[in-house]
Amino acid sequence: MNIVLLEPIGVPDTCIQELAADLIRAGHSFTCHPTRTTDPQELGQRSRDADIVIIANTPYPAEAVRQADHLKMIDVAFTGIDHIDTAECKSRGITICNAANYANQTVAELTIGLAITLLRNIPAADTAARTGKTSAGITGQEIAGRTVGIIGTGRIGLAAARLFAAFGAKIIAYSRSESDAAIALGITYVPLETLMRESDIISLHVPATPETHHLINAERLALMKPSALLINCARGLVVDNEALTRALTEGKIAGAGIDVFDTEPPLPENYPLLAAPNTILTPHIGFSSEESMRRRAEIVFQNITAYLGGRPENVCRL
């Protein structure tokens, strides 16, 4: 099999070579491209002779897939696969496997970090310390005693819930299906509108699907407390960011921590949230830590080994 890594996946080359060694010893060829490209023609060229390609979150459109005549498997070093033309893959019988669960803890910890940054006014405090000012006028709030609403109780949602609970928060949740693990943690499921009204902090952990597109819209933002915070480390399209900007600008909610957008960073200069008050923006870093990148690389190469052995793992439903 000809295996091609189409872009860097966040670990040193020595790690890649270590993980690829067994495949090479088994007689498979392995090519590693050290640069990222979003050009469909270039992606197609890189994929042309591949039986298996590894890609992270670079868009992989039908135009690129069609140039890969021998392609049998796409190994996605990411959780979501909405950046891949799955219809083209399905028509070709191409298997797609992802790196499920590699970043559960990492995303959950950024969620907590954004909440604490907002509650403790860390940016304002940093500015004060650097400009010769005191703590006058800078007052924070605690997570303890607050109600945290978790939207989506998959593995990442539950990881975030555990961390919030460890700080002393009360956890309520809304999800398409209720989780026994969530109930065992003492989480109470409520209707979405109830969660929006009662939560002091709302944290999103749902995938991007037609059903979740703009799940958090102007109508639902209007249900939130004026003192409430919204954290989105899930998918950008889950939130109507223009409506969120209006809610923040008009003081309808107290703040937001946003790691994902309806376009991948760099954000355009006129992107609405850039001018929103009480907002912490990070350029889609939720999945990225040294530990998660290593876990992701290990999962990716295990996916290939399992596929070649006739026992594919982490297969995505198309």
C-alpha atoms as a PDB file:
ATOM      1  CA  MET A   1       0.000   0.000   0.000  1.00  0.00           C
ATOM      2  CA  ASN A   2       1.106   3.545  -0.745  1.00  0.00           C
ATOM      3  CA  ILE A   3       0.459   5.684   2.354  1.00  0.00           C
ATOM      4  CA  VAL A   4       0.703   9.484   2.094  1.00  0.00           C
ATOM      5  CA  LEU A   5       0.600  12.021   4.914  1.00  0.00           C
ATOM      6  CA  LEU A   6      -0.798  15.119   3.195  1.00  0.00           C
ATOM      7  CA  GLU A   7       0.069  17.687   5.869  1.00  0.00           C
ATOM      8  CA  PRO A   8       1.834  18.019   9.246  1.00  0.00           C
ATOM      9  CA  ILE A   9      -0.156  16.675  12.187  1.00  0.00           C
ATOM     10  CA  GLY A  10       1.466  18.536  15.041  1.00  0.00           C
ATOM     11  CA  VAL A  11       4.212  16.155  16.149  1.00  0.00           C
ATOM     12  CA  PRO A  12       7.939  16.104  15.379  1.00  0.00           C
ATOM     13  CA  ASP A  13       9.163  14.254  12.306  1.00  0.00           C
ATOM     14  CA  THR A  14      10.970  11.804  14.591  1.00  0.00           C
ATOM     15  CA  CYS A  15       7.600  10.794  16.048  1.00  0.00           C
ATOM     16  CA  ILE A  16       6.126  10.293  12.571  1.00  0.00           C
ATOM     17  CA  GLN A  17       9.046   8.136  11.477  1.00  0.00           C
ATOM     18  CA  GLU A  18       8.824   6.099  14.680  1.00  0.00           C
ATOM     19  CA  LEU A  19       5.114   5.437  14.173  1.00  0.00           C
ATOM     20  CA  ALA A  20       5.532   4.668  10.456  1.00  0.00           C
ATOM     21  CA  ALA A  21       8.448   2.280  10.963  1.00  0.00           C
ATOM     22  CA  ASP A  22       6.364  -0.887  11.332  1.00  0.00           C
ATOM     23  CA  LEU A  23       4.392  -0.090   8.172  1.00  0.00           C
ATOM     24  CA  ILE A  24       7.585   0.482   6.201  1.00  0.00           C
ATOM     25  CA  ARG A  25       9.109  -2.748   7.531  1.00  0.00           C
ATOM     26  CA  ALA A  26       5.947  -4.560   6.397  1.00  0.00           C
ATOM     27  CA  GLY A  27       6.650  -3.387   2.834  1.00  0.00           C
ATOM     28  CA  HIS A  28       4.324  -0.411   2.562  1.00  0.00           C
ATOM     29  CA  SER A  29       5.574   2.883   1.153  1.00  0.00           C
ATOM     30  CA  PHE A  30       5.205   6.033   3.238  1.00  0.00           C
ATOM     31  CA  THR A  31       5.475   9.646   2.080  1.00  0.00           C
ATOM     32  CA  CYS A  32       5.298  12.603   4.466  1.00  0.00           C
ATOM     33  CA  HIS A  33       4.579  16.122   3.157  1.00  0.00           C
ATOM     34  CA  PRO A  34       6.058  18.712   5.533  1.00  0.00           C
ATOM     35  CA  THR A  35       3.849  21.622   4.465  1.00  0.00           C
ATOM     36  CA  ARG A  36       0.110  22.310   4.495  1.00  0.00           C
ATOM     37  CA  THR A  37      -1.768  23.299   1.356  1.00  0.00           C
ATOM     38  CA  THR A  38      -5.416  24.138   0.823  1.00  0.00           C
ATOM     39  CA  ASP A  39      -5.132  24.110  -2.962  1.00  0.00           C
ATOM     40  CA  PRO A  40      -7.337  21.261  -4.276  1.00  0.00           C
ATOM     41  CA  GLN A  41      -5.056  20.685  -7.263  1.00  0.00           C
ATOM     42  CA  GLU A  42      -1.991  20.358  -5.052  1.00  0.00           C
ATOM     43  CA  LEU A  43      -3.851  18.065  -2.655  1.00  0.00           C
ATOM     44  CA  GLY A  44      -4.894  15.984  -5.641  1.00  0.00           C
ATOM     45  CA  GLN A  45      -1.300  15.788  -6.849  1.00  0.00           C
ATOM     46  CA  ARG A  46      -0.133  14.655  -3.421  1.00  0.00           C
ATOM     47  CA  SER A  47      -2.909  12.048  -3.322  1.00  0.00           C
ATOM     48  CA  ARG A  48      -2.569  10.838  -6.900  1.00  0.00           C
ATOM     49  CA  ASP A  49      -0.850   7.487  -6.285  1.00  0.00           C
ATOM     50  CA  ALA A  50      -2.024   6.947  -2.709  1.00  0.00           C
ATOM     51  CA  ASP A  51      -4.021   3.997  -1.432  1.00  0.00           C
ATOM     52  CA  ILE A  52      -4.315   5.632   1.995  1.00  0.00           C
ATOM     53  CA  VAL A  53      -4.051   9.328   2.816  1.00  0.00           C
ATOM     54  CA  ILE A  54      -3.687  10.963   6.214  1.00  0.00           C
ATOM     55  CA  ILE A  55      -5.105  14.457   6.591  1.00  0.00           C
ATOM     56  CA  ALA A  56      -5.947  16.692   9.553  1.00  0.00           C
ATOM     57  CA  ASN A  57      -8.463  19.537   9.221  1.00  0.00           C
ATOM     58  CA  THR A  58      -7.473  20.856   5.796  1.00  0.00           C
ATOM     59  CA  PRO A  59     -10.517  20.851   3.478  1.00  0.00           C
ATOM     60  CA  TYR A  60     -10.392  17.785   1.209  1.00  0.00           C
ATOM     61  CA  PRO A  61     -12.901  18.437  -1.580  1.00  0.00           C
ATOM     62  CA  ALA A  62     -14.227  16.150  -4.285  1.00  0.00           C
ATOM     63  CA  GLU A  63     -11.793  17.740  -6.749  1.00  0.00           C
ATOM     64  CA  ALA A  64      -8.873  16.331  -4.772  1.00  0.00           C
ATOM     65  CA  VAL A  65     -10.504  12.969  -4.081  1.00  0.00           C
ATOM     66  CA  ARG A  66     -11.220  12.421  -7.793  1.00  0.00           C
ATOM     67  CA  GLN A  67      -7.524  12.698  -8.637  1.00  0.00           C
ATOM     68  CA  ALA A  68      -6.704   9.801  -6.304  1.00  0.00           C
ATOM     69  CA  ASP A  69      -7.652   6.861  -8.503  1.00  0.00           C
ATOM     70  CA  HIS A  70      -6.297   4.240  -6.061  1.00  0.00           C
ATOM     71  CA  LEU A  71      -7.645   5.767  -2.856  1.00  0.00           C
ATOM     72  CA  LYS A  72      -9.200   3.243  -0.497  1.00  0.00           C
ATOM     73  CA  MET A  73      -8.995   4.925   2.913  1.00  0.00           C
ATOM     74  CA  ILE A  74      -8.867   8.456   4.309  1.00  0.00           C
ATOM     75  CA  ASP A  75      -7.349   8.563   7.780  1.00  0.00           C
ATOM     76  CA  VAL A  76      -8.459  11.798   9.437  1.00  0.00           C
ATOM     77  CA  ALA A  77      -6.224  13.145  12.198  1.00  0.00           C
ATOM     78  CA  PHE A  78      -9.205  14.990  13.613  1.00  0.00           C
ATOM     79  CA  THR A  79     -12.586  14.197  15.177  1.00  0.00           C
ATOM     80  CA  GLY A  80     -14.937  15.885  12.726  1.00  0.00           C
ATOM     81  CA  ILE A  81     -15.053  14.963   9.033  1.00  0.00           C
ATOM     82  CA  ASP A  82     -17.225  17.838   7.775  1.00  0.00           C
ATOM     83  CA  HIS A  83     -14.206  19.223   5.868  1.00  0.00           C
ATOM     84  CA  ILE A  84     -14.142  16.145   3.621  1.00  0.00           C
ATOM     85  CA  ASP A  85     -16.464  15.545   0.661  1.00  0.00           C
ATOM     86  CA  THR A  86     -18.092  12.476   2.165  1.00  0.00           C
ATOM     87  CA  ALA A  87     -20.587  12.123  -0.693  1.00  0.00           C
ATOM     88  CA  GLU A  88     -17.737  11.599  -3.163  1.00  0.00           C
ATOM     89  CA  CYS A  89     -16.074   9.146  -0.792  1.00  0.00           C
ATOM     90  CA  LYS A  90     -19.287   7.199  -0.295  1.00  0.00           C
ATOM     91  CA  SER A  91     -19.856   6.924  -4.044  1.00  0.00           C
ATOM     92  CA  ARG A  92     -16.319   5.561  -4.423  1.00  0.00           C
ATOM     93  CA  GLY A  93     -16.542   3.166  -1.466  1.00  0.00           C
ATOM     94  CA  ILE A  94     -13.690   4.936   0.317  1.00  0.00           C
ATOM     95  CA  THR A  95     -13.447   4.213   4.044  1.00  0.00           C
ATOM     96  CA  ILE A  96     -13.010   7.199   6.347  1.00  0.00           C
ATOM     97  CA  CYS A  97     -11.582   6.711   9.829  1.00  0.00           C
ATOM     98  CA  ASN A  98     -11.114   9.488  12.360  1.00  0.00           C
ATOM     99  CA  ALA A  99      -9.068  10.061  15.510  1.00  0.00           C
ATOM    100  CA  ALA A 100     -11.958   9.976  17.913  1.00  0.00           C
ATOM    101  CA  ASN A 101     -11.360  10.996  21.522  1.00  0.00           C
ATOM    102  CA  TYR A 102      -7.762  12.142  21.176  1.00  0.00           C
ATOM    103  CA  ALA A 103      -8.524  15.643  22.493  1.00  0.00           C
ATOM    104  CA  ASN A 104     -11.260  15.061  25.076  1.00  0.00           C
ATOM    105  CA  GLN A 105      -9.238  16.301  28.040  1.00  0.00           C
ATOM    106  CA  THR A 106      -7.495  19.030  26.070  1.00  0.00           C
ATOM    107  CA  VAL A 107     -10.757  20.593  24.841  1.00  0.00           C
ATOM    108  CA  ALA A 108     -12.346  20.266  28.277  1.00  0.00           C
ATOM    109  CA  GLU A 109      -9.407  22.053  29.896  1.00  0.00           C
ATOM    110  CA  LEU A 110      -9.574  24.947  27.413  1.00  0.00           C
ATOM    111  CA  THR A 111     -13.300  25.222  28.177  1.00  0.00           C
ATOM    112  CA  ILE A 112     -12.478  25.669  31.858  1.00  0.00           C
ATOM    113  CA  GLY A 113      -9.655  28.064  30.978  1.00  0.00           C
ATOM    114  CA  LEU A 114     -11.946  30.322  28.957  1.00  0.00           C
ATOM    115  CA  ALA A 115     -14.556  30.320  31.717  1.00  0.00           C
ATOM    116  CA  ILE A 116     -11.988  31.249  34.378  1.00  0.00           C
ATOM    117  CA  THR A 117     -10.452  33.920  32.140  1.00  0.00           C
ATOM    118  CA  LEU A 118     -13.857  35.562  31.781  1.00  0.00           C
ATOM    119  CA  LEU A 119     -14.963  35.140  35.384  1.00  0.00           C
ATOM    120  CA  ARG A 120     -11.709  36.492  36.837  1.00  0.00           C
ATOM    121  CA  ASN A 121     -11.271  39.302  34.274  1.00  0.00           C
ATOM    122  CA  ILE A 122      -7.743  38.099  33.545  1.00  0.00           C
ATOM    123  CA  PRO A 123      -7.194  40.219  30.394  1.00  0.00           C
ATOM    124  CA  ALA A 124      -8.132  43.418  32.265  1.00  0.00           C
ATOM    125  CA  ALA A 125      -5.947  42.401  35.202  1.00  0.00           C
ATOM    126  CA  ASP A 126      -3.005  41.725  32.892  1.00  0.00           C
ATOM    127  CA  THR A 127      -3.421  45.125  31.238  1.00  0.00           C
ATOM    128  CA  ALA A 128      -3.609  46.834  34.644  1.00  0.00           C
ATOM    129  CA  ALA A 129      -0.427  45.180  35.868  1.00  0.00           C
ATOM    130  CA  ARG A 130       1.448  46.115  32.692  1.00  0.00           C
ATOM    131  CA  THR A 131       0.313  49.753  32.683  1.00  0.00           C
ATOM    132  CA  GLY A 132       1.116  50.731  36.259  1.00  0.00           C
ATOM    133  CA  LYS A 133      -2.407  50.349  37.599  1.00  0.00           C
ATOM    134  CA  THR A 134      -3.777  48.546  40.651  1.00  0.00           C
ATOM    135  CA  SER A 135      -6.599  46.041  41.061  1.00  0.00           C
ATOM    136  CA  ALA A 136      -9.098  48.834  41.606  1.00  0.00           C
ATOM    137  CA  GLY A 137     -12.317  48.071  39.758  1.00  0.00           C
ATOM    138  CA  ILE A 138     -11.293  44.516  38.844  1.00  0.00           C
ATOM    139  CA  THR A 139     -13.471  42.010  40.662  1.00  0.00           C
ATOM    140  CA  GLY A 140     -13.835  38.361  39.764  1.00  0.00           C
ATOM    141  CA  GLN A 141     -16.360  35.603  40.277  1.00  0.00           C
ATOM    142  CA  GLU A 142     -16.053  31.925  41.198  1.00  0.00           C
ATOM    143  CA  ILE A 143     -17.226  28.838  39.352  1.00  0.00           C
ATOM    144  CA  ALA A 144     -18.238  27.302  42.697  1.00  0.00           C
ATOM    145  CA  GLY A 145     -21.957  27.569  43.323  1.00  0.00           C
ATOM    146  CA  ARG A 146     -22.807  28.457  39.743  1.00  0.00           C
ATOM    147  CA  THR A 147     -25.036  26.453  37.412  1.00  0.00           C
ATOM    148  CA  VAL A 148     -23.229  25.170  34.334  1.00  0.00           C
ATOM    149  CA  GLY A 149     -25.265  24.011  31.363  1.00  0.00           C
ATOM    150  CA  ILE A 150     -23.560  21.403  29.176  1.00  0.00           C
ATOM    151  CA  ILE A 151     -25.050  21.102  25.692  1.00  0.00           C
ATOM    152  CA  GLY A 152     -23.967  17.715  24.354  1.00  0.00           C
ATOM    153  CA  THR A 153     -22.940  14.981  26.787  1.00  0.00           C
ATOM    154  CA  GLY A 154     -20.557  12.984  24.666  1.00  0.00           C
ATOM    155  CA  ARG A 155     -17.071  12.277  25.938  1.00  0.00           C
ATOM    156  CA  ILE A 156     -15.841  15.875  25.685  1.00  0.00           C
ATOM    157  CA  GLY A 157     -19.003  17.258  27.248  1.00  0.00           C
ATOM    158  CA  LEU A 158     -18.673  14.834  30.147  1.00  0.00           C
ATOM    159  CA  ALA A 159     -14.977  15.654  30.576  1.00  0.00           C
ATOM    160  CA  ALA A 160     -15.872  19.344  30.837  1.00  0.00           C
ATOM    161  CA  ALA A 161     -18.735  18.556  33.230  1.00  0.00           C
ATOM    162  CA  ARG A 162     -16.379  16.654  35.537  1.00  0.00           C
ATOM    163  CA  LEU A 163     -13.984  19.592  35.662  1.00  0.00           C
ATOM    164  CA  PHE A 164     -16.755  22.116  36.351  1.00  0.00           C
ATOM    165  CA  ALA A 165     -18.161  19.822  39.058  1.00  0.00           C
ATOM    166  CA  ALA A 166     -14.713  19.588  40.664  1.00  0.00           C
ATOM    167  CA  PHE A 167     -14.824  23.387  41.050  1.00  0.00           C
ATOM    168  CA  GLY A 168     -18.150  23.093  42.876  1.00  0.00           C
ATOM    169  CA  ALA A 169     -20.618  23.916  40.098  1.00  0.00           C
ATOM    170  CA  LYS A 170     -24.082  22.443  39.709  1.00  0.00           C
ATOM    171  CA  ILE A 171     -24.346  20.717  36.316  1.00  0.00           C
ATOM    172  CA  ILE A 172     -27.423  20.536  34.125  1.00  0.00           C
ATOM    173  CA  ALA A 173     -27.414  19.240  30.566  1.00  0.00           C
ATOM    174  CA  TYR A 174     -29.244  19.011  27.284  1.00  0.00           C
ATOM    175  CA  SER A 175     -28.435  16.327  24.725  1.00  0.00           C
ATOM    176  CA  ARG A 176     -30.100  14.448  21.902  1.00  0.00           C
ATOM    177  CA  SER A 177     -29.849  11.296  24.008  1.00  0.00           C
ATOM    178  CA  GLU A 178     -29.311  10.941  27.731  1.00  0.00           C
ATOM    179  CA  SER A 179     -26.101   9.319  28.955  1.00  0.00           C
ATOM    180  CA  ASP A 180     -26.013   6.840  31.816  1.00  0.00           C
ATOM    181  CA  ALA A 181     -22.512   8.117  32.591  1.00  0.00           C
ATOM    182  CA  ALA A 182     -23.860  11.664  32.921  1.00  0.00           C
ATOM    183  CA  ILE A 183     -26.681  10.562  35.206  1.00  0.00           C
ATOM    184  CA  ALA A 184     -24.163   8.633  37.330  1.00  0.00           C
ATOM    185  CA  LEU A 185     -22.240  11.883  37.744  1.00  0.00           C
ATOM    186  CA  GLY A 186     -25.366  13.528  39.143  1.00  0.00           C
ATOM    187  CA  ILE A 187     -26.068  15.585  36.022  1.00  0.00           C
ATOM    188  CA  THR A 188     -29.704  16.563  35.536  1.00  0.00           C
ATOM    189  CA  TYR A 189     -31.104  16.640  31.994  1.00  0.00           C
ATOM    190  CA  VAL A 190     -33.441  19.524  31.175  1.00  0.00           C
ATOM    191  CA  PRO A 191     -35.050  20.938  27.996  1.00  0.00           C
ATOM    192  CA  LEU A 192     -32.781  23.244  26.001  1.00  0.00           C
ATOM    193  CA  GLU A 193     -34.842  26.343  26.768  1.00  0.00           C
ATOM    194  CA  THR A 194     -34.657  25.573  30.497  1.00  0.00           C
ATOM    195  CA  LEU A 195     -30.901  25.194  30.279  1.00  0.00           C
ATOM    196  CA  MET A 196     -30.571  28.515  28.469  1.00  0.00           C
ATOM    197  CA  ARG A 197     -32.617  30.285  31.163  1.00  0.00           C
ATOM    198  CA  GLU A 198     -31.077  28.703  34.254  1.00  0.00           C
ATOM    199  CA  SER A 199     -27.364  28.445  33.439  1.00  0.00           C
ATOM    200  CA  ASP A 200     -24.702  30.875  34.590  1.00  0.00           C
ATOM    201  CA  ILE A 201     -22.209  29.291  32.178  1.00  0.00           C
ATOM    202  CA  ILE A 202     -23.248  27.470  28.990  1.00  0.00           C
ATOM    203  CA  SER A 203     -20.689  25.197  27.349  1.00  0.00           C
ATOM    204  CA  LEU A 204     -21.239  23.708  23.887  1.00  0.00           C
ATOM    205  CA  HIS A 205     -20.075  20.199  23.001  1.00  0.00           C
ATOM    206  CA  VAL A 206     -22.103  19.090  19.966  1.00  0.00           C
ATOM    207  CA  PRO A 207     -20.974  18.245  16.421  1.00  0.00           C
ATOM    208  CA  ALA A 208     -21.745  20.304  13.336  1.00  0.00           C
ATOM    209  CA  THR A 209     -24.824  18.755  11.711  1.00  0.00           C
ATOM    210  CA  PRO A 210     -27.863  20.173   9.921  1.00  0.00           C
ATOM    211  CA  GLU A 211     -29.750  19.792  13.220  1.00  0.00           C
ATOM    212  CA  THR A 212     -27.171  21.773  15.238  1.00  0.00           C
ATOM    213  CA  HIS A 213     -26.605  24.550  12.664  1.00  0.00           C
ATOM    214  CA  HIS A 214     -27.191  27.822  14.573  1.00  0.00           C
ATOM    215  CA  LEU A 215     -28.604  25.850  17.488  1.00  0.00           C
ATOM    216  CA  ILE A 216     -27.632  28.900  19.536  1.00  0.00           C
ATOM    217  CA  ASN A 217     -29.462  31.675  17.695  1.00  0.00           C
ATOM    218  CA  ALA A 218     -30.883  35.081  18.592  1.00  0.00           C
ATOM    219  CA  GLU A 219     -34.024  33.551  20.081  1.00  0.00           C
ATOM    220  CA  ARG A 220     -32.097  31.240  22.406  1.00  0.00           C
ATOM    221  CA  LEU A 221     -29.496  33.854  23.317  1.00  0.00           C
ATOM    222  CA  ALA A 222     -32.392  36.057  24.444  1.00  0.00           C
ATOM    223  CA  LEU A 223     -33.293  33.417  27.044  1.00  0.00           C
ATOM    224  CA  MET A 224     -29.909  33.692  28.796  1.00  0.00           C
ATOM    225  CA  LYS A 225     -29.308  35.606  32.006  1.00  0.00           C
ATOM    226  CA  PRO A 226     -27.632  39.010  31.542  1.00  0.00           C
ATOM    227  CA  SER A 227     -24.870  37.683  33.828  1.00  0.00           C
ATOM    228  CA  ALA A 228     -24.347  34.448  31.882  1.00  0.00           C
ATOM    229  CA  LEU A 229     -21.362  33.334  29.817  1.00  0.00           C
ATOM    230  CA  LEU A 230     -21.300  31.267  26.616  1.00  0.00           C
ATOM    231  CA  ILE A 231     -18.323  28.999  25.850  1.00  0.00           C
ATOM    232  CA  ASN A 232     -17.940  27.393  22.420  1.00  0.00           C
ATOM    233  CA  CYS A 233     -15.136  24.888  21.955  1.00  0.00           C
ATOM    234  CA  ALA A 234     -17.312  22.644  19.760  1.00  0.00           C
ATOM    235  CA  ARG A 235     -18.022  23.770  16.196  1.00  0.00           C
ATOM    236  CA  GLY A 236     -18.362  27.303  14.884  1.00  0.00           C
ATOM    237  CA  LEU A 237     -21.592  26.772  12.966  1.00  0.00           C
ATOM    238  CA  VAL A 238     -23.429  25.748  16.139  1.00  0.00           C
ATOM    239  CA  VAL A 239     -23.625  29.459  17.055  1.00  0.00           C
ATOM    240  CA  ASP A 240     -25.022  32.344  15.032  1.00  0.00           C
ATOM    241  CA  ASN A 241     -22.037  34.596  15.708  1.00  0.00           C
ATOM    242  CA  GLU A 242     -23.723  37.704  14.336  1.00  0.00           C
ATOM    243  CA  ALA A 243     -26.553  37.222  16.826  1.00  0.00           C
ATOM    244  CA  LEU A 244     -23.977  36.515  19.555  1.00  0.00           C
ATOM    245  CA  THR A 245     -22.151  39.745  18.717  1.00  0.00           C
ATOM    246  CA  ARG A 246     -25.390  41.697  19.058  1.00  0.00           C
ATOM    247  CA  ALA A 247     -26.178  40.035  22.390  1.00  0.00           C
ATOM    248  CA  LEU A 248     -22.716  40.912  23.736  1.00  0.00           C
ATOM    249  CA  THR A 249     -22.743  44.462  22.367  1.00  0.00           C
ATOM    250  CA  GLU A 250     -26.200  45.165  23.801  1.00  0.00           C
ATOM    251  CA  GLY A 251     -25.297  43.654  27.188  1.00  0.00           C
ATOM    252  CA  LYS A 252     -27.855  40.872  26.864  1.00  0.00           C
ATOM    253  CA  ILE A 253     -25.233  38.396  28.116  1.00  0.00           C
ATOM    254  CA  ALA A 254     -22.082  39.018  30.143  1.00  0.00           C
ATOM    255  CA  GLY A 255     -19.394  37.435  27.985  1.00  0.00           C
ATOM    256  CA  ALA A 256     -18.251  34.681  25.664  1.00  0.00           C
ATOM    257  CA  GLY A 257     -15.236  32.448  25.148  1.00  0.00           C
ATOM    258  CA  ILE A 258     -15.004  31.277  21.544  1.00  0.00           C
ATOM    259  CA  ASP A 259     -12.455  28.890  20.047  1.00  0.00           C
ATOM    260  CA  VAL A 260     -14.313  27.924  16.855  1.00  0.00           C
ATOM    261  CA  PHE A 261     -15.854  30.005  14.102  1.00  0.00           C
ATOM    262  CA  ASP A 262     -17.851  29.585  10.903  1.00  0.00           C
ATOM    263  CA  THR A 263     -14.566  30.035   9.056  1.00  0.00           C
ATOM    264  CA  GLU A 264     -11.131  28.787  10.022  1.00  0.00           C
ATOM    265  CA  PRO A 265      -8.686  31.450  11.290  1.00  0.00           C
ATOM    266  CA  PRO A 266      -7.197  33.781  10.252  1.00  0.00           C
ATOM    267  CA  LEU A 267     -10.434  35.694  10.737  1.00  0.00           C
ATOM    268  CA  PRO A 268     -11.243  38.534   8.328  1.00  0.00           C
ATOM    269  CA  GLU A 269     -10.787  42.048   9.717  1.00  0.00           C
ATOM    270  CA  ASN A 270     -14.537  42.693   9.699  1.00  0.00           C
ATOM    271  CA  TYR A 271     -15.488  39.468  11.509  1.00  0.00           C
ATOM    272  CA  PRO A 272     -18.300  40.472  13.915  1.00  0.00           C
ATOM    273  CA  LEU A 273     -16.917  38.935  17.114  1.00  0.00           C
ATOM    274  CA  LEU A 274     -13.620  40.830  16.829  1.00  0.00           C
ATOM    275  CA  ALA A 275     -15.397  43.967  18.056  1.00  0.00           C
ATOM    276  CA  ALA A 276     -17.596  42.281  20.675  1.00  0.00           C
ATOM    277  CA  PRO A 277     -17.008  43.300  24.313  1.00  0.00           C
ATOM    278  CA  ASN A 278     -16.146  40.857  27.118  1.00  0.00           C
ATOM    279  CA  THR A 279     -15.103  38.224  24.619  1.00  0.00           C
ATOM    280  CA  ILE A 280     -12.094  35.920  24.628  1.00  0.00           C
ATOM    281  CA  LEU A 281     -11.204  34.535  21.204  1.00  0.00           C
ATOM    282  CA  THR A 282      -8.705  31.772  20.523  1.00  0.00           C
ATOM    283  CA  PRO A 283      -7.780  30.605  16.988  1.00  0.00           C
ATOM    284  CA  HIS A 284      -9.136  27.027  17.165  1.00  0.00           C
ATOM    285  CA  ILE A 285      -6.588  25.680  19.654  1.00  0.00           C
ATOM    286  CA  GLY A 286      -8.938  23.539  21.731  1.00  0.00           C
ATOM    287  CA  PHE A 287      -7.681  20.265  20.294  1.00  0.00           C
ATOM    288  CA  SER A 288      -4.005  21.167  20.477  1.00  0.00           C
ATOM    289  CA  SER A 289      -1.667  20.192  23.288  1.00  0.00           C
ATOM    290  CA  GLU A 290       1.583  18.242  23.256  1.00  0.00           C
ATOM    291  CA  GLU A 291      -0.212  15.303  24.829  1.00  0.00           C
ATOM    292  CA  SER A 292      -3.208  15.331  22.490  1.00  0.00           C
ATOM    293  CA  MET A 293      -1.039  15.643  19.378  1.00  0.00           C
ATOM    294  CA  ARG A 294       0.919  12.551  20.385  1.00  0.00           C
ATOM    295  CA  ARG A 295      -2.306  10.653  21.129  1.00  0.00           C
ATOM    296  CA  ARG A 296      -3.728  11.726  17.781  1.00  0.00           C
ATOM    297  CA  ALA A 297      -0.687  10.521  15.840  1.00  0.00           C
ATOM    298  CA  GLU A 298      -0.785   7.171  17.622  1.00  0.00           C
ATOM    299  CA  ILE A 299      -4.490   6.727  16.823  1.00  0.00           C
ATOM    300  CA  VAL A 300      -3.924   7.639  13.154  1.00  0.00           C
ATOM    301  CA  PHE A 301      -1.258   4.986  12.644  1.00  0.00           C
ATOM    302  CA  GLN A 302      -3.223   2.416  14.628  1.00  0.00           C
ATOM    303  CA  ASN A 303      -6.164   3.119  12.281  1.00  0.00           C
ATOM    304  CA  ILE A 304      -3.960   2.183   9.317  1.00  0.00           C
ATOM    305  CA  THR A 305      -2.674  -0.982  10.993  1.00  0.00           C
ATOM    306  CA  ALA A 306      -6.225  -2.042  11.862  1.00  0.00           C
ATOM    307  CA  TYR A 307      -7.479  -1.304   8.330  1.00  0.00           C
ATOM    308  CA  LEU A 308      -4.665  -3.276   6.713  1.00  0.00           C
ATOM    309  CA  GLY A 309      -5.408  -6.136   9.092  1.00  0.00           C
ATOM    310  CA  GLY A 310      -9.040  -6.237   7.983  1.00  0.00           C
ATOM    311  CA  ARG A 311     -10.342  -4.894  11.304  1.00  0.00           C
ATOM    312  CA  PRO A 312     -10.872  -1.175  10.677  1.00  0.00           C
ATOM    313  CA  GLU A 313     -11.311   1.038  13.742  1.00  0.00           C
ATOM    314  CA  ASN A 314     -12.898   4.465  14.195  1.00  0.00           C
ATOM    315  CA  VAL A 315     -14.854   4.061  10.965  1.00  0.00           C
ATOM    316  CA  CYS A 316     -17.109   7.052  10.250  1.00  0.00           C
ATOM    317  CA  ARG A 317     -20.642   6.510   9.057  1.00  0.00           C
ATOM    318  CA  LEU A 318     -21.143   8.231   5.683  1.00  0.00           C
END
